[in-house]
């Protein structure tokens, strides 16, 4: 259900972050925006999505939803849905500041060439 290309929008008490993209595939999440890239894992247990995502700066100012960090790890959870959902959590480096990450499905993943 989650495998696909998603747009991703960050919101935190500190600031609203930029929009980016994320690919969910086989328990992995990869993506990025104009300043940071994301690499992590996810699992669904019943109706709960749990994710651990490392966010790393690669270009421009180090302005993130958690302030001027070059790298941080997010621990997030929420209820996944087919076309849109929100997960919430906090950064390991700044506990107590929570973030919402809104995902909207943009495309299904294509089948591998060998399977066509």
Protein backbone atom coordinates (compact mmCIF):
# COMPACT_ATOMS: atom_id res chain seq x y z
CA UNK A 1 0.00 0.00 0.00
CA UNK A 2 2.79 2.49 0.80
CA UNK A 3 5.15 1.68 -2.04
CA UNK A 4 5.26 4.67 -4.35
CA UNK A 5 6.48 8.21 -4.92
CA UNK A 6 5.18 10.69 -2.35
CA UNK A 7 5.46 14.43 -1.86
CA UNK A 8 6.56 15.30 1.68
CA UNK A 9 5.94 18.48 3.65
CA UNK A 10 7.51 19.17 7.06
CA UNK A 11 5.83 21.21 9.79
CA UNK A 12 7.26 21.88 13.27
CA UNK A 13 6.76 24.44 16.07
CA UNK A 14 10.03 26.10 14.96
CA UNK A 15 9.18 26.58 11.27
CA UNK A 16 7.47 25.05 8.28
CA UNK A 17 10.01 23.24 6.19
CA UNK A 18 10.38 22.89 2.48
CA UNK A 19 8.46 20.34 0.46
CA UNK A 20 10.33 17.39 -0.96
CA UNK A 21 9.81 13.91 -2.28
CA UNK A 22 10.13 10.47 -0.77
CA UNK A 23 10.06 6.98 -2.25
CA UNK A 24 8.69 4.20 -0.07
CA UNK A 25 9.81 0.78 -1.28
CA UNK A 26 10.34 -2.58 0.44
CA UNK A 27 10.68 -1.13 3.95
CA UNK A 28 13.01 1.67 2.84
CA UNK A 29 12.47 5.42 2.48
CA UNK A 30 14.70 7.63 0.32
CA UNK A 31 14.11 11.18 -0.81
CA UNK A 32 15.06 14.78 -0.34
CA UNK A 33 14.37 18.44 -0.83
CA UNK A 34 16.49 21.39 -1.96
CA UNK A 35 18.83 21.23 1.06
CA UNK A 36 18.55 17.82 2.72
CA UNK A 37 18.29 14.19 1.63
CA UNK A 38 16.51 11.45 3.61
CA UNK A 39 17.43 7.80 4.03
CA UNK A 40 15.62 5.46 6.36
CA UNK A 41 13.44 2.48 7.04
CA UNK A 42 9.79 1.91 7.81
CA UNK A 43 7.53 -0.88 9.00
CA UNK A 44 3.78 -1.20 9.35
CA UNK A 45 2.44 -3.04 12.40
CA UNK A 46 -1.32 -3.37 12.18
CA UNK A 47 -2.52 0.16 11.45
CA UNK A 48 0.63 1.95 12.65
CA UNK A 49 3.53 3.06 10.45
CA UNK A 50 6.86 3.45 12.26
CA UNK A 51 9.83 5.09 10.58
CA UNK A 52 13.42 5.96 11.42
CA UNK A 53 14.88 8.47 8.97
CA UNK A 54 18.34 10.05 8.86
CA UNK A 55 18.20 13.56 7.38
CA UNK A 56 21.50 14.93 6.01
CA UNK A 57 22.36 18.42 4.70
CA UNK A 58 23.96 18.62 1.25
CA UNK A 59 23.43 22.18 -0.14
CA UNK A 60 22.55 25.75 0.81
CA UNK A 61 21.97 27.07 4.31
CA UNK A 62 21.54 24.56 7.14
CA UNK A 63 18.02 25.71 7.89
CA UNK A 64 15.82 22.80 8.90
CA UNK A 65 12.62 22.42 10.88
CA UNK A 66 14.88 21.76 13.89
CA UNK A 67 17.18 24.74 13.35
CA UNK A 68 20.70 24.82 11.84
CA UNK A 69 21.57 21.11 11.99
CA UNK A 70 23.70 19.35 9.39
CA UNK A 71 22.31 15.93 10.27
CA UNK A 72 19.55 14.55 12.45
CA UNK A 73 17.53 11.37 12.93
CA UNK A 74 13.74 11.34 13.05
CA UNK A 75 11.61 8.74 14.83
CA UNK A 76 8.08 8.97 13.46
CA UNK A 77 4.79 7.11 13.61
CA UNK A 78 1.25 7.46 12.35
CA UNK A 79 -1.60 5.76 10.55
CA UNK A 80 -0.87 5.21 6.84
CA UNK A 81 -3.50 5.66 4.14
CA UNK A 82 -3.47 4.93 0.40
CA UNK A 83 -3.37 8.51 -0.90
CA UNK A 84 -2.41 10.82 1.98
CA UNK A 85 -1.28 10.53 5.59
CA UNK A 86 0.64 12.29 8.34
CA UNK A 87 3.30 10.89 10.62
CA UNK A 88 4.50 12.61 13.78
CA UNK A 89 7.63 12.31 15.84
CA UNK A 90 10.74 13.96 17.13
CA UNK A 91 14.38 14.31 16.31
CA UNK A 92 16.90 12.35 18.31
CA UNK A 93 19.18 15.39 18.55
CA UNK A 94 16.45 17.74 19.86
CA UNK A 95 14.02 15.70 21.97
CA UNK A 96 10.76 17.35 22.90
CA UNK A 97 10.38 19.25 19.61
CA UNK A 98 7.88 17.38 17.49
CA UNK A 99 7.41 17.42 13.75
CA UNK A 100 4.55 16.49 11.46
CA UNK A 101 5.44 15.09 8.06
CA UNK A 102 2.54 15.14 5.59
CA UNK A 103 2.75 12.70 2.65
CA UNK A 104 0.67 12.76 -0.54
CA UNK A 105 0.91 9.93 -3.10
CA UNK A 106 2.06 11.24 -6.48
CA UNK A 107 2.80 8.04 -8.45
CA UNK A 108 2.98 4.28 -8.18
CA UNK A 109 6.40 2.73 -8.72
CA UNK A 110 7.02 1.16 -12.11
CA UNK A 111 7.57 -2.58 -12.39
CA UNK A 112 11.22 -3.66 -12.80
CA UNK A 113 12.28 -4.12 -16.43
CA UNK A 114 12.71 -7.89 -16.00
CA UNK A 115 9.10 -8.20 -14.82
CA UNK A 116 7.58 -6.34 -17.79
